[in-house]
Amino acid sequence: MRRRDAAAARAKLDALIAAGGDGYDARLGLALLAIEAKDVAGAERELAQAKRWDPERSAPYSLLADLYTKAHRDDEALRELERFARIEQMEYAPVKKLVD
């Protein structure tokens, strides 16, 4: 991913998952690749998996809120933003964005 070679990164992440290394980081990596490719459905799918692996990490909620906001899916964006704000209670920005 650092080399900006999405195909190679996806292949390595898929191989990692196939070898039994499925988890939060692998799914978040695939989600980031999907976002970069503007594959909203793929990003949603991978972020949902990442949330299942570790529901207390905030990145999937933040990324989904951004995706939904850009797609004008406001109800879904608010749901994800609310969860993000609950996880990151000590950060002002998510709460302000939620209130706005």
Protein backbone atom coordinates (compact mmCIF):
# COMPACT_ATOMS: atom_id res chain seq x y z
CA MET A 1 0.00 0.00 0.00
CA ARG A 2 2.91 2.34 0.72
CA ARG A 3 4.15 1.78 -2.83
CA ARG A 4 0.72 2.79 -4.16
CA ASP A 5 0.37 -0.58 -5.93
CA ALA A 6 -3.27 -1.38 -5.16
CA ALA A 7 -3.31 -4.65 -7.09
CA ALA A 8 -0.29 -6.04 -5.26
CA ALA A 9 -1.59 -4.85 -1.89
CA ARG A 10 -4.98 -6.47 -2.54
CA ALA A 11 -3.31 -9.72 -3.60
CA LYS A 12 -1.20 -9.82 -0.44
CA LEU A 13 -4.16 -9.04 1.81
CA ASP A 14 -6.27 -11.69 0.07
CA ALA A 15 -3.42 -14.20 0.50
CA LEU A 16 -3.13 -13.29 4.17
CA ILE A 17 -6.86 -13.87 4.69
CA ALA A 18 -6.75 -17.14 2.77
CA ALA A 19 -3.86 -18.31 4.98
CA GLY A 20 -5.96 -17.74 8.10
CA GLY A 21 -4.81 -14.22 8.88
CA ASP A 22 -8.21 -12.59 8.61
CA GLY A 23 -8.74 -9.76 11.05
CA TYR A 24 -9.30 -6.09 11.65
CA ASP A 25 -6.12 -4.84 9.97
CA ALA A 26 -6.58 -6.95 6.84
CA ARG A 27 -10.18 -5.83 6.43
CA LEU A 28 -9.33 -2.19 7.07
CA GLY A 29 -6.59 -2.42 4.45
CA LEU A 30 -9.02 -3.86 1.91
CA ALA A 31 -11.52 -1.13 2.80
CA LEU A 32 -8.93 1.59 2.23
CA LEU A 33 -8.11 0.09 -1.15
CA ALA A 34 -11.81 0.01 -2.02
CA ILE A 35 -12.24 3.64 -0.97
CA GLU A 36 -9.27 4.63 -3.11
CA ALA A 37 -10.87 2.79 -6.05
CA LYS A 38 -14.21 4.53 -5.33
CA ASP A 39 -15.84 1.15 -4.70
CA VAL A 40 -18.39 2.18 -2.08
CA ALA A 41 -20.05 -1.24 -1.85
CA GLY A 42 -16.69 -2.95 -1.41
CA ALA A 43 -15.64 -0.44 1.24
CA GLU A 44 -18.92 -0.93 3.11
CA ARG A 45 -18.47 -4.70 3.06
CA GLU A 46 -14.88 -4.58 4.32
CA LEU A 47 -15.58 -1.95 6.97
CA ALA A 48 -18.49 -4.02 8.27
CA GLN A 49 -16.08 -6.95 8.61
CA ALA A 50 -13.52 -4.75 10.36
CA LYS A 51 -16.19 -3.63 12.83
CA ARG A 52 -17.04 -7.26 13.57
CA TRP A 53 -13.39 -8.05 14.31
CA ASP A 54 -12.92 -5.07 16.62
CA PRO A 55 -16.06 -3.02 17.36
CA GLU A 56 -14.21 -0.67 19.70
CA ARG A 57 -11.89 0.80 17.08
CA SER A 58 -13.15 4.04 15.61
CA ALA A 59 -11.66 4.09 12.10
CA PRO A 60 -14.37 2.00 10.38
CA TYR A 61 -17.12 4.21 11.82
CA SER A 62 -15.32 7.38 10.77
CA LEU A 63 -14.65 6.10 7.27
CA LEU A 64 -18.26 4.94 6.83
CA ALA A 65 -19.57 8.29 8.09
CA ASP A 66 -17.44 10.06 5.48
CA LEU A 67 -18.54 7.69 2.71
CA TYR A 68 -22.20 8.07 3.59
CA THR A 69 -21.94 11.84 3.88
CA LYS A 70 -20.41 12.10 0.42
CA ALA A 71 -23.17 9.85 -0.95
CA HIS A 72 -25.86 11.99 0.76
CA ARG A 73 -26.94 9.02 2.87
CA ASP A 74 -27.45 11.23 5.90
CA ASP A 75 -29.26 8.82 8.22
CA GLU A 76 -26.54 6.20 7.81
CA ALA A 77 -23.82 8.84 8.16
CA LEU A 78 -25.31 10.05 11.44
CA ARG A 79 -25.52 6.51 12.80
CA GLU A 80 -21.84 5.86 12.07
CA LEU A 81 -20.78 9.30 13.28
CA GLU A 82 -22.63 8.79 16.57
CA ARG A 83 -20.78 5.53 17.21
CA PHE A 84 -17.49 7.17 16.24
CA ALA A 85 -18.14 10.01 18.71
CA ARG A 86 -18.97 7.54 21.48
CA ILE A 87 -15.73 5.65 20.95
CA GLU A 88 -13.62 8.81 20.72
CA GLN A 89 -15.21 10.57 23.68
CA MET A 90 -12.17 12.69 24.41
CA GLU A 91 -12.06 14.21 20.91
CA TYR A 92 -14.02 17.35 20.17
CA ALA A 93 -14.18 17.16 16.35
CA PRO A 94 -16.48 14.11 16.02
CA VAL A 95 -18.92 15.49 18.59
CA LYS A 96 -18.98 18.90 16.89
CA LYS A 97 -19.57 17.28 13.52
CA LEU A 98 -22.38 15.19 14.97
CA VAL A 99 -24.07 18.22 16.53
CA ASP A 100 -23.67 20.29 13.35
